[in-house]
Amino acid sequence: MSYDYVGDLSETVALMWPKAALPGHNNPPPPTLSDVVTTLRTLGKTELPKQLARWLDELDETGRWALLKLVTGAMRIGISARLAKTAAAALGDKDPHEIELIWPGLAPPYLDLFAWLEGRGDKPVNRDPAPFRPVMLAHAIEDADFASLDPADFIAEWKWDGIRVQAVSGRDERGHLQARLYSRTGEDITRSFPDLVPSLHLPGAIDGELLVLREGRVQTFNVLQQRLNRRVVSPKLIKDFPIHLRAYDLLGDDENDLRELPFVERRAHLEAFVRKLDDPRIDLSPTIRLR
């Protein structure tokens, strides 16, 4: 047994830890999660090694692995955010969409959320001046449904070779403008694209496509990849791979939430908003009328 074989340090220690020769009738029950958290909060650093060894003696391989992951801060649970929101909604008999709308403004350990779900408190209010908003996703149309659809009722747009983003700006309690760029899953990617932030100088929330534009031409996704997942963004990188935002939709205009409006009305708001921005880095995605 070795780390090279197992590939995880906590699991390696859990498997190699010797079983303690404790008398069967004196074996203490394994510690609960609450026991571990409470003890870690109150225990001094000099006492921690001995306590950790006692816990490892009391637990089986799986328990030792979970304990070590918890103590080292490497505990990760493979669960989607959507499933977590659905479970939270079920706990409080709420609509999952209602949880989706307030989730971006919440932070662990979610005390306000659980107080509301359990009837012990008011509904949490998102006070983030530039919050992420759950995106509207596309849904496939079944072949059998096409016959009942009227093309005149729909508007199409080109598929651009970039990544879906949400560009949000808003004013904090001191009146200062805060601007952020989010991926479609809500990850804050602002630091990777500092050259776009000054363009977001009006409060609002744009749903759009992040592209690299050169001389007015959209570059391929392979070119855009040179700007993705960058911890350090150099002036040369910004110059060689200029970022552009092509706007699809407007989710919020200043403090006005537009998501409940029909698309045609949101599109009118979007066109006016982009005109007011008057920035060369942001333009509209042209629409295509179907007949």
C-alpha atoms as a PDB file:
ATOM      1  CA  MET A   1       0.000   0.000   0.000  1.00  0.00           C
ATOM      2  CA  SER A   2       1.427   3.396  -0.967  1.00  0.00           C
ATOM      3  CA  TYR A   3       0.369   6.944  -1.832  1.00  0.00           C
ATOM      4  CA  ASP A   4       1.464   6.396  -5.439  1.00  0.00           C
ATOM      5  CA  TYR A   5      -0.950   3.454  -5.653  1.00  0.00           C
ATOM      6  CA  VAL A   6      -3.921   5.030  -3.842  1.00  0.00           C
ATOM      7  CA  GLY A   7      -3.488   8.586  -5.131  1.00  0.00           C
ATOM      8  CA  ASP A   8      -5.023  10.336  -2.104  1.00  0.00           C
ATOM      9  CA  LEU A   9      -3.097  11.105   1.081  1.00  0.00           C
ATOM     10  CA  SER A  10      -6.071  10.943   3.451  1.00  0.00           C
ATOM     11  CA  GLU A  11      -7.179   7.607   2.028  1.00  0.00           C
ATOM     12  CA  THR A  12      -3.628   6.240   2.219  1.00  0.00           C
ATOM     13  CA  VAL A  13      -3.341   7.140   5.932  1.00  0.00           C
ATOM     14  CA  ALA A  14      -6.844   5.788   6.617  1.00  0.00           C
ATOM     15  CA  LEU A  15      -5.952   2.428   5.062  1.00  0.00           C
ATOM     16  CA  MET A  16      -2.504   2.137   6.658  1.00  0.00           C
ATOM     17  CA  TRP A  17      -3.477   3.257  10.177  1.00  0.00           C
ATOM     18  CA  PRO A  18      -3.000   0.249  12.521  1.00  0.00           C
ATOM     19  CA  LYS A  19      -6.089  -1.145  14.175  1.00  0.00           C
ATOM     20  CA  ALA A  20      -6.026  -0.442  17.885  1.00  0.00           C
ATOM     21  CA  ALA A  21      -6.135  -3.486  20.170  1.00  0.00           C
ATOM     22  CA  LEU A  22      -8.976  -2.253  22.345  1.00  0.00           C
ATOM     23  CA  PRO A  23     -11.054  -4.611  24.518  1.00  0.00           C
ATOM     24  CA  GLY A  24     -14.377  -5.260  22.818  1.00  0.00           C
ATOM     25  CA  HIS A  25     -16.522  -4.351  25.794  1.00  0.00           C
ATOM     26  CA  ASN A  26     -14.733  -1.018  26.362  1.00  0.00           C
ATOM     27  CA  ASN A  27     -14.780   0.271  22.794  1.00  0.00           C
ATOM     28  CA  PRO A  28     -16.151   3.855  22.800  1.00  0.00           C
ATOM     29  CA  PRO A  29     -18.666   4.788  20.123  1.00  0.00           C
ATOM     30  CA  PRO A  30     -17.146   6.577  17.115  1.00  0.00           C
ATOM     31  CA  PRO A  31     -17.287  10.383  17.286  1.00  0.00           C
ATOM     32  CA  THR A  32     -20.148  12.147  15.591  1.00  0.00           C
ATOM     33  CA  LEU A  33     -19.657  15.073  13.213  1.00  0.00           C
ATOM     34  CA  SER A  34     -20.823  17.449  15.963  1.00  0.00           C
ATOM     35  CA  ASP A  35     -18.320  15.911  18.401  1.00  0.00           C
ATOM     36  CA  VAL A  36     -15.451  16.463  15.968  1.00  0.00           C
ATOM     37  CA  VAL A  37     -16.385  20.061  15.074  1.00  0.00           C
ATOM     38  CA  THR A  38     -16.983  21.074  18.718  1.00  0.00           C
ATOM     39  CA  THR A  39     -13.753  19.475  19.917  1.00  0.00           C
ATOM     40  CA  LEU A  40     -11.659  21.033  17.138  1.00  0.00           C
ATOM     41  CA  ARG A  41     -12.990  24.463  18.047  1.00  0.00           C
ATOM     42  CA  THR A  42     -11.991  24.180  21.709  1.00  0.00           C
ATOM     43  CA  LEU A  43      -8.863  22.018  21.590  1.00  0.00           C
ATOM     44  CA  GLY A  44      -5.395  23.542  21.871  1.00  0.00           C
ATOM     45  CA  LYS A  45      -2.766  22.834  19.220  1.00  0.00           C
ATOM     46  CA  THR A  46      -0.647  20.734  21.595  1.00  0.00           C
ATOM     47  CA  GLU A  47      -3.600  18.491  22.425  1.00  0.00           C
ATOM     48  CA  LEU A  48      -4.729  17.984  18.829  1.00  0.00           C
ATOM     49  CA  PRO A  49      -2.296  15.182  17.786  1.00  0.00           C
ATOM     50  CA  LYS A  50      -3.279  12.882  20.666  1.00  0.00           C
ATOM     51  CA  GLN A  51      -6.999  13.529  20.150  1.00  0.00           C
ATOM     52  CA  LEU A  52      -6.669  12.888  16.434  1.00  0.00           C
ATOM     53  CA  ALA A  53      -4.876   9.587  17.142  1.00  0.00           C
ATOM     54  CA  ARG A  54      -7.680   8.525  19.518  1.00  0.00           C
ATOM     55  CA  TRP A  55     -10.302   9.255  16.879  1.00  0.00           C
ATOM     56  CA  LEU A  56      -8.360   7.326  14.256  1.00  0.00           C
ATOM     57  CA  ASP A  57      -8.179   4.350  16.649  1.00  0.00           C
ATOM     58  CA  GLU A  58     -11.951   4.439  17.184  1.00  0.00           C
ATOM     59  CA  LEU A  59     -12.967   4.685  13.521  1.00  0.00           C
ATOM     60  CA  ASP A  60     -12.936   2.245  10.622  1.00  0.00           C
ATOM     61  CA  GLU A  61     -11.228   2.964   7.285  1.00  0.00           C
ATOM     62  CA  THR A  62     -14.115   5.018   5.904  1.00  0.00           C
ATOM     63  CA  GLY A  63     -14.488   7.001   9.116  1.00  0.00           C
ATOM     64  CA  ARG A  64     -10.756   7.700   9.260  1.00  0.00           C
ATOM     65  CA  TRP A  65     -10.800   8.931   5.665  1.00  0.00           C
ATOM     66  CA  ALA A  66     -13.768  11.274   6.351  1.00  0.00           C
ATOM     67  CA  LEU A  67     -12.128  12.571   9.542  1.00  0.00           C
ATOM     68  CA  LEU A  68      -8.839  13.363   7.813  1.00  0.00           C
ATOM     69  CA  LYS A  69     -10.628  15.087   4.943  1.00  0.00           C
ATOM     70  CA  LEU A  70     -12.591  17.191   7.437  1.00  0.00           C
ATOM     71  CA  VAL A  71      -9.561  18.100   9.561  1.00  0.00           C
ATOM     72  CA  THR A  72      -7.398  19.052   6.566  1.00  0.00           C
ATOM     73  CA  GLY A  73     -10.157  21.091   4.918  1.00  0.00           C
ATOM     74  CA  ALA A  74     -10.223  18.839   1.863  1.00  0.00           C
ATOM     75  CA  MET A  75     -13.727  17.445   2.332  1.00  0.00           C
ATOM     76  CA  ARG A  76     -15.623  17.682  -0.944  1.00  0.00           C
ATOM     77  CA  ILE A  77     -19.008  16.157  -1.654  1.00  0.00           C
ATOM     78  CA  GLY A  78     -19.919  15.403  -5.250  1.00  0.00           C
ATOM     79  CA  ILE A  79     -23.343  17.009  -5.446  1.00  0.00           C
ATOM     80  CA  SER A  80     -24.612  19.501  -7.982  1.00  0.00           C
ATOM     81  CA  ALA A  81     -25.748  22.949  -6.867  1.00  0.00           C
ATOM     82  CA  ARG A  82     -29.097  22.291  -8.545  1.00  0.00           C
ATOM     83  CA  LEU A  83     -29.670  19.172  -6.420  1.00  0.00           C
ATOM     84  CA  ALA A  84     -28.745  21.088  -3.254  1.00  0.00           C
ATOM     85  CA  LYS A  85     -31.245  23.830  -4.114  1.00  0.00           C
ATOM     86  CA  THR A  86     -33.961  21.270  -4.855  1.00  0.00           C
ATOM     87  CA  ALA A  87     -33.327  19.561  -1.495  1.00  0.00           C
ATOM     88  CA  ALA A  88     -33.467  22.911   0.311  1.00  0.00           C
ATOM     89  CA  ALA A  89     -36.756  23.737  -1.412  1.00  0.00           C
ATOM     90  CA  ALA A  90     -38.220  20.387  -0.377  1.00  0.00           C
ATOM     91  CA  LEU A  91     -37.184  21.004   3.242  1.00  0.00           C
ATOM     92  CA  GLY A  92     -39.209  24.205   3.398  1.00  0.00           C
ATOM     93  CA  ASP A  93     -41.956  23.213   0.941  1.00  0.00           C
ATOM     94  CA  LYS A  94     -40.817  25.979  -1.421  1.00  0.00           C
ATOM     95  CA  ASP A  95     -40.595  26.247  -5.191  1.00  0.00           C
ATOM     96  CA  PRO A  96     -37.018  25.385  -6.322  1.00  0.00           C
ATOM     97  CA  HIS A  97     -37.126  28.441  -8.622  1.00  0.00           C
ATOM     98  CA  GLU A  98     -37.606  30.649  -5.556  1.00  0.00           C
ATOM     99  CA  ILE A  99     -34.415  29.178  -4.055  1.00  0.00           C
ATOM    100  CA  GLU A 100     -32.604  29.722  -7.369  1.00  0.00           C
ATOM    101  CA  LEU A 101     -33.355  33.450  -7.280  1.00  0.00           C
ATOM    102  CA  ILE A 102     -31.974  34.103  -3.791  1.00  0.00           C
ATOM    103  CA  TRP A 103     -29.154  31.529  -3.811  1.00  0.00           C
ATOM    104  CA  PRO A 104     -26.434  33.746  -5.396  1.00  0.00           C
ATOM    105  CA  GLY A 105     -26.604  36.182  -2.475  1.00  0.00           C
ATOM    106  CA  LEU A 106     -26.228  33.487   0.182  1.00  0.00           C
ATOM    107  CA  ALA A 107     -23.062  32.179   1.815  1.00  0.00           C
ATOM    108  CA  PRO A 108     -22.200  29.132   3.959  1.00  0.00           C
ATOM    109  CA  PRO A 109     -23.358  28.039   6.481  1.00  0.00           C
ATOM    110  CA  TYR A 110     -26.674  29.430   5.118  1.00  0.00           C
ATOM    111  CA  LEU A 111     -28.141  30.205   8.548  1.00  0.00           C
ATOM    112  CA  ASP A 112     -30.641  32.763   7.195  1.00  0.00           C
ATOM    113  CA  LEU A 113     -31.776  30.348   4.488  1.00  0.00           C
ATOM    114  CA  PHE A 114     -32.430  27.477   6.899  1.00  0.00           C
ATOM    115  CA  ALA A 115     -34.136  29.791   9.390  1.00  0.00           C
ATOM    116  CA  TRP A 116     -36.555  30.820   6.625  1.00  0.00           C
ATOM    117  CA  LEU A 117     -37.068  27.264   5.355  1.00  0.00           C
ATOM    118  CA  GLU A 118     -37.831  26.059   8.887  1.00  0.00           C
ATOM    119  CA  GLY A 119     -40.216  28.947   9.611  1.00  0.00           C
ATOM    120  CA  ARG A 120     -37.899  30.619  12.128  1.00  0.00           C
ATOM    121  CA  GLY A 121     -37.050  33.740  10.126  1.00  0.00           C
ATOM    122  CA  ASP A 122     -37.857  35.986   7.204  1.00  0.00           C
ATOM    123  CA  LYS A 123     -36.955  35.258   3.604  1.00  0.00           C
ATOM    124  CA  PRO A 124     -33.289  36.199   2.974  1.00  0.00           C
ATOM    125  CA  VAL A 125     -32.697  39.354   0.956  1.00  0.00           C
ATOM    126  CA  ASN A 126     -29.875  39.454  -1.571  1.00  0.00           C
ATOM    127  CA  ARG A 127     -27.926  42.650  -0.834  1.00  0.00           C
ATOM    128  CA  ASP A 128     -25.130  41.998  -3.314  1.00  0.00           C
ATOM    129  CA  PRO A 129     -25.021  45.042  -5.645  1.00  0.00           C
ATOM    130  CA  ALA A 130     -23.940  42.866  -8.601  1.00  0.00           C
ATOM    131  CA  PRO A 131     -25.461  39.417  -8.076  1.00  0.00           C
ATOM    132  CA  PHE A 132     -25.571  36.487 -10.470  1.00  0.00           C
ATOM    133  CA  ARG A 133     -29.007  35.626 -11.773  1.00  0.00           C
ATOM    134  CA  PRO A 134     -29.974  32.074 -12.796  1.00  0.00           C
ATOM    135  CA  VAL A 135     -29.758  31.870 -16.573  1.00  0.00           C
ATOM    136  CA  MET A 136     -32.487  30.794 -18.969  1.00  0.00           C
ATOM    137  CA  LEU A 137     -31.397  27.610 -20.711  1.00  0.00           C
ATOM    138  CA  ALA A 138     -32.451  26.264 -24.095  1.00  0.00           C
ATOM    139  CA  HIS A 139     -34.810  23.307 -24.316  1.00  0.00           C
ATOM    140  CA  ALA A 140     -35.072  20.867 -27.196  1.00  0.00           C
ATOM    141  CA  ILE A 141     -38.253  20.761 -29.272  1.00  0.00           C
ATOM    142  CA  GLU A 142     -39.719  17.355 -29.982  1.00  0.00           C
ATOM    143  CA  ASP A 143     -40.210  16.522 -33.662  1.00  0.00           C
ATOM    144  CA  ALA A 144     -43.922  16.065 -33.108  1.00  0.00           C
ATOM    145  CA  ASP A 145     -44.256  19.661 -31.816  1.00  0.00           C
ATOM    146  CA  PHE A 146     -43.025  21.398 -34.962  1.00  0.00           C
ATOM    147  CA  ALA A 147     -46.334  21.026 -36.791  1.00  0.00           C
ATOM    148  CA  SER A 148     -48.148  23.119 -34.155  1.00  0.00           C
ATOM    149  CA  LEU A 149     -45.559  25.942 -34.088  1.00  0.00           C
ATOM    150  CA  ASP A 150     -45.975  29.167 -36.046  1.00  0.00           C
ATOM    151  CA  PRO A 151     -42.546  30.525 -37.146  1.00  0.00           C
ATOM    152  CA  ALA A 152     -43.915  34.083 -36.955  1.00  0.00           C
ATOM    153  CA  ASP A 153     -44.161  33.668 -33.159  1.00  0.00           C
ATOM    154  CA  PHE A 154     -40.402  33.131 -32.801  1.00  0.00           C
ATOM    155  CA  ILE A 155     -37.171  35.071 -33.114  1.00  0.00           C
ATOM    156  CA  ALA A 156     -33.843  33.375 -33.849  1.00  0.00           C
ATOM    157  CA  GLU A 157     -30.270  34.474 -33.225  1.00  0.00           C
ATOM    158  CA  TRP A 158     -26.919  33.360 -34.553  1.00  0.00           C
ATOM    159  CA  LYS A 159     -24.841  30.918 -32.513  1.00  0.00           C
ATOM    160  CA  TRP A 160     -21.591  32.714 -31.720  1.00  0.00           C
ATOM    161  CA  ASP A 161     -18.366  30.827 -31.086  1.00  0.00           C
ATOM    162  CA  GLY A 162     -17.681  32.010 -27.539  1.00  0.00           C
ATOM    163  CA  ILE A 163     -18.777  31.342 -23.953  1.00  0.00           C
ATOM    164  CA  ARG A 164     -22.057  32.332 -22.307  1.00  0.00           C
ATOM    165  CA  VAL A 165     -21.550  34.984 -19.639  1.00  0.00           C
ATOM    166  CA  GLN A 166     -23.493  37.352 -17.467  1.00  0.00           C
ATOM    167  CA  ALA A 167     -22.117  40.904 -17.159  1.00  0.00           C
ATOM    168  CA  VAL A 168     -23.540  42.585 -14.059  1.00  0.00           C
ATOM    169  CA  SER A 169     -23.003  45.970 -12.471  1.00  0.00           C
ATOM    170  CA  GLY A 170     -24.720  47.746  -9.606  1.00  0.00           C
ATOM    171  CA  ARG A 171     -24.182  50.331  -6.893  1.00  0.00           C
ATOM    172  CA  ASP A 172     -23.282  49.366  -3.342  1.00  0.00           C
ATOM    173  CA  GLU A 173     -24.544  51.094  -0.183  1.00  0.00           C
ATOM    174  CA  ARG A 174     -21.985  53.887  -0.654  1.00  0.00           C
ATOM    175  CA  GLY A 175     -23.057  54.500  -4.236  1.00  0.00           C
ATOM    176  CA  HIS A 176     -19.921  52.986  -5.761  1.00  0.00           C
ATOM    177  CA  LEU A 177     -20.385  50.965  -8.933  1.00  0.00           C
ATOM    178  CA  GLN A 178     -19.448  47.286  -8.689  1.00  0.00           C
ATOM    179  CA  ALA A 179     -19.032  45.270 -11.899  1.00  0.00           C
ATOM    180  CA  ARG A 180     -18.648  41.514 -12.242  1.00  0.00           C
ATOM    181  CA  LEU A 181     -18.502  38.934 -14.981  1.00  0.00           C
ATOM    182  CA  TYR A 182     -19.994  35.490 -14.324  1.00  0.00           C
ATOM    183  CA  SER A 183     -19.877  32.198 -16.184  1.00  0.00           C
ATOM    184  CA  ARG A 184     -23.222  30.563 -16.986  1.00  0.00           C
ATOM    185  CA  THR A 185     -22.880  28.482 -13.791  1.00  0.00           C
ATOM    186  CA  GLY A 186     -22.376  31.563 -11.614  1.00  0.00           C
ATOM    187  CA  GLU A 187     -18.591  31.437 -11.224  1.00  0.00           C
ATOM    188  CA  ASP A 188     -17.024  34.884 -10.829  1.00  0.00           C
ATOM    189  CA  ILE A 189     -14.551  35.222 -13.728  1.00  0.00           C
ATOM    190  CA  THR A 190     -14.048  38.998 -13.506  1.00  0.00           C
ATOM    191  CA  ARG A 191     -10.311  38.787 -12.805  1.00  0.00           C
ATOM    192  CA  SER A 192      -9.704  36.953 -16.056  1.00  0.00           C
ATOM    193  CA  PHE A 193     -11.206  39.786 -18.116  1.00  0.00           C
ATOM    194  CA  PRO A 194     -10.216  43.115 -16.520  1.00  0.00           C
ATOM    195  CA  ASP A 195     -10.350  44.841 -19.911  1.00  0.00           C
ATOM    196  CA  LEU A 196     -14.144  44.401 -20.105  1.00  0.00           C
ATOM    197  CA  VAL A 197     -14.949  45.738 -16.615  1.00  0.00           C
ATOM    198  CA  PRO A 198     -14.677  49.483 -17.506  1.00  0.00           C
ATOM    199  CA  SER A 199     -17.276  48.925 -20.233  1.00  0.00           C
ATOM    200  CA  LEU A 200     -19.874  47.927 -17.615  1.00  0.00           C
ATOM    201  CA  HIS A 201     -20.365  51.492 -16.420  1.00  0.00           C
ATOM    202  CA  LEU A 202     -24.173  51.442 -16.115  1.00  0.00           C
ATOM    203  CA  PRO A 203     -26.146  49.406 -13.530  1.00  0.00           C
ATOM    204  CA  GLY A 204     -27.677  46.387 -15.231  1.00  0.00           C
ATOM    205  CA  ALA A 205     -27.359  42.686 -16.008  1.00  0.00           C
ATOM    206  CA  ILE A 206     -26.538  41.566 -19.549  1.00  0.00           C
ATOM    207  CA  ASP A 207     -26.835  37.971 -20.716  1.00  0.00           C
ATOM    208  CA  GLY A 208     -24.458  37.539 -23.624  1.00  0.00           C
ATOM    209  CA  GLU A 209     -21.572  35.819 -25.367  1.00  0.00           C
ATOM    210  CA  LEU A 210     -17.922  36.498 -24.611  1.00  0.00           C
ATOM    211  CA  LEU A 211     -15.895  36.656 -27.821  1.00  0.00           C
ATOM    212  CA  VAL A 212     -12.543  37.692 -29.210  1.00  0.00           C
ATOM    213  CA  LEU A 213     -13.010  40.313 -31.924  1.00  0.00           C
ATOM    214  CA  ARG A 214     -10.309  41.402 -34.373  1.00  0.00           C
ATOM    215  CA  GLU A 215     -11.093  44.120 -36.903  1.00  0.00           C
ATOM    216  CA  GLY A 216     -14.795  43.482 -36.385  1.00  0.00           C
ATOM    217  CA  ARG A 217     -14.569  39.744 -37.050  1.00  0.00           C
ATOM    218  CA  VAL A 218     -15.448  37.109 -34.472  1.00  0.00           C
ATOM    219  CA  GLN A 219     -12.527  34.761 -33.907  1.00  0.00           C
ATOM    220  CA  THR A 220     -12.811  31.008 -33.354  1.00  0.00           C
ATOM    221  CA  PHE A 221     -13.278  29.442 -29.953  1.00  0.00           C
ATOM    222  CA  ASN A 222      -9.682  28.177 -30.143  1.00  0.00           C
ATOM    223  CA  VAL A 223      -8.534  31.813 -30.157  1.00  0.00           C
ATOM    224  CA  LEU A 224     -10.800  32.665 -27.213  1.00  0.00           C
ATOM    225  CA  GLN A 225      -9.291  29.789 -25.236  1.00  0.00           C
ATOM    226  CA  GLN A 226      -6.080  31.812 -24.966  1.00  0.00           C
ATOM    227  CA  ARG A 227      -7.964  34.091 -22.552  1.00  0.00           C
ATOM    228  CA  LEU A 228      -9.749  31.436 -20.508  1.00  0.00           C
ATOM    229  CA  ASN A 229      -8.666  30.295 -17.015  1.00  0.00           C
ATOM    230  CA  ARG A 230      -5.846  32.829 -16.810  1.00  0.00           C
ATOM    231  CA  ARG A 231      -4.629  33.773 -13.338  1.00  0.00           C
ATOM    232  CA  VAL A 232      -2.377  36.503 -14.724  1.00  0.00           C
ATOM    233  CA  VAL A 233      -3.637  38.695 -17.556  1.00  0.00           C
ATOM    234  CA  SER A 234      -0.779  40.623 -19.153  1.00  0.00           C
ATOM    235  CA  PRO A 235      -1.122  43.776 -21.273  1.00  0.00           C
ATOM    236  CA  LYS A 236       0.182  41.771 -24.249  1.00  0.00           C
ATOM    237  CA  LEU A 237      -2.537  39.137 -23.784  1.00  0.00           C
ATOM    238  CA  ILE A 238      -5.193  41.865 -23.659  1.00  0.00           C
ATOM    239  CA  LYS A 239      -3.818  43.463 -26.820  1.00  0.00           C
ATOM    240  CA  ASP A 240      -3.437  40.226 -28.800  1.00  0.00           C
ATOM    241  CA  PHE A 241      -6.809  38.752 -27.741  1.00  0.00           C
ATOM    242  CA  PRO A 242      -9.253  41.685 -27.330  1.00  0.00           C
ATOM    243  CA  ILE A 243     -12.409  40.677 -25.489  1.00  0.00           C
ATOM    244  CA  HIS A 244     -15.891  41.634 -26.685  1.00  0.00           C
ATOM    245  CA  LEU A 245     -19.393  41.110 -25.274  1.00  0.00           C
ATOM    246  CA  ARG A 246     -22.230  40.364 -27.685  1.00  0.00           C
ATOM    247  CA  ALA A 247     -25.518  40.935 -25.848  1.00  0.00           C
ATOM    248  CA  TYR A 248     -28.482  38.541 -26.099  1.00  0.00           C
ATOM    249  CA  ASP A 249     -30.752  39.724 -23.317  1.00  0.00           C
ATOM    250  CA  LEU A 250     -31.141  42.217 -20.483  1.00  0.00           C
ATOM    251  CA  LEU A 251     -32.095  40.640 -17.145  1.00  0.00           C
ATOM    252  CA  GLY A 252     -31.968  43.818 -15.081  1.00  0.00           C
ATOM    253  CA  ASP A 253     -31.896  47.555 -15.803  1.00  0.00           C
ATOM    254  CA  ASP A 254     -30.552  49.431 -12.777  1.00  0.00           C
ATOM    255  CA  GLU A 255     -32.750  48.167  -9.898  1.00  0.00           C
ATOM    256  CA  ASN A 256     -35.532  46.944 -12.209  1.00  0.00           C
ATOM    257  CA  ASP A 257     -35.792  43.156 -12.568  1.00  0.00           C
ATOM    258  CA  LEU A 258     -36.837  42.491 -16.175  1.00  0.00           C
ATOM    259  CA  ARG A 259     -36.942  38.691 -16.079  1.00  0.00           C
ATOM    260  CA  GLU A 260     -40.719  38.474 -15.846  1.00  0.00           C
ATOM    261  CA  LEU A 261     -41.214  40.621 -18.969  1.00  0.00           C
ATOM    262  CA  PRO A 262     -41.800  39.042 -22.399  1.00  0.00           C
ATOM    263  CA  PHE A 263     -38.684  38.695 -24.542  1.00  0.00           C
ATOM    264  CA  VAL A 264     -39.804  41.371 -27.013  1.00  0.00           C
ATOM    265  CA  GLU A 265     -40.013  43.936 -24.206  1.00  0.00           C
ATOM    266  CA  ARG A 266     -36.671  42.838 -22.733  1.00  0.00           C
ATOM    267  CA  ARG A 267     -35.127  43.148 -26.196  1.00  0.00           C
ATOM    268  CA  ALA A 268     -36.351  46.749 -26.441  1.00  0.00           C
ATOM    269  CA  HIS A 269     -34.798  47.472 -23.039  1.00  0.00           C
ATOM    270  CA  LEU A 270     -31.582  45.790 -24.167  1.00  0.00           C
ATOM    271  CA  GLU A 271     -31.304  47.864 -27.332  1.00  0.00           C
ATOM    272  CA  ALA A 272     -31.801  51.083 -25.335  1.00  0.00           C
ATOM    273  CA  PHE A 273     -29.322  49.940 -22.672  1.00  0.00           C
ATOM    274  CA  VAL A 274     -26.587  49.135 -25.193  1.00  0.00           C
ATOM    275  CA  ARG A 275     -27.133  52.519 -26.867  1.00  0.00           C
ATOM    276  CA  LYS A 276     -26.682  54.243 -23.499  1.00  0.00           C
ATOM    277  CA  LEU A 277     -23.527  52.221 -22.791  1.00  0.00           C
ATOM    278  CA  ASP A 278     -22.128  53.440 -26.117  1.00  0.00           C
ATOM    279  CA  ASP A 279     -19.061  51.222 -25.761  1.00  0.00           C
ATOM    280  CA  PRO A 280     -17.192  49.544 -28.656  1.00  0.00           C
ATOM    281  CA  ARG A 281     -16.630  46.396 -26.594  1.00  0.00           C
ATOM    282  CA  ILE A 282     -20.374  45.693 -26.250  1.00  0.00           C
ATOM    283  CA  ASP A 283     -22.863  45.270 -29.092  1.00  0.00           C
ATOM    284  CA  LEU A 284     -26.152  43.537 -29.874  1.00  0.00           C
ATOM    285  CA  SER A 285     -26.582  40.036 -31.218  1.00  0.00           C
ATOM    286  CA  PRO A 286     -28.706  40.546 -34.377  1.00  0.00           C
ATOM    287  CA  THR A 287     -32.076  38.821 -34.429  1.00  0.00           C
ATOM    288  CA  ILE A 288     -33.470  36.793 -37.320  1.00  0.00           C
ATOM    289  CA  ARG A 289     -37.198  36.885 -38.075  1.00  0.00           C
ATOM    290  CA  LEU A 290     -38.642  33.524 -39.075  1.00  0.00           C
ATOM    291  CA  ARG A 291     -41.334  33.167 -41.705  1.00  0.00           C
END
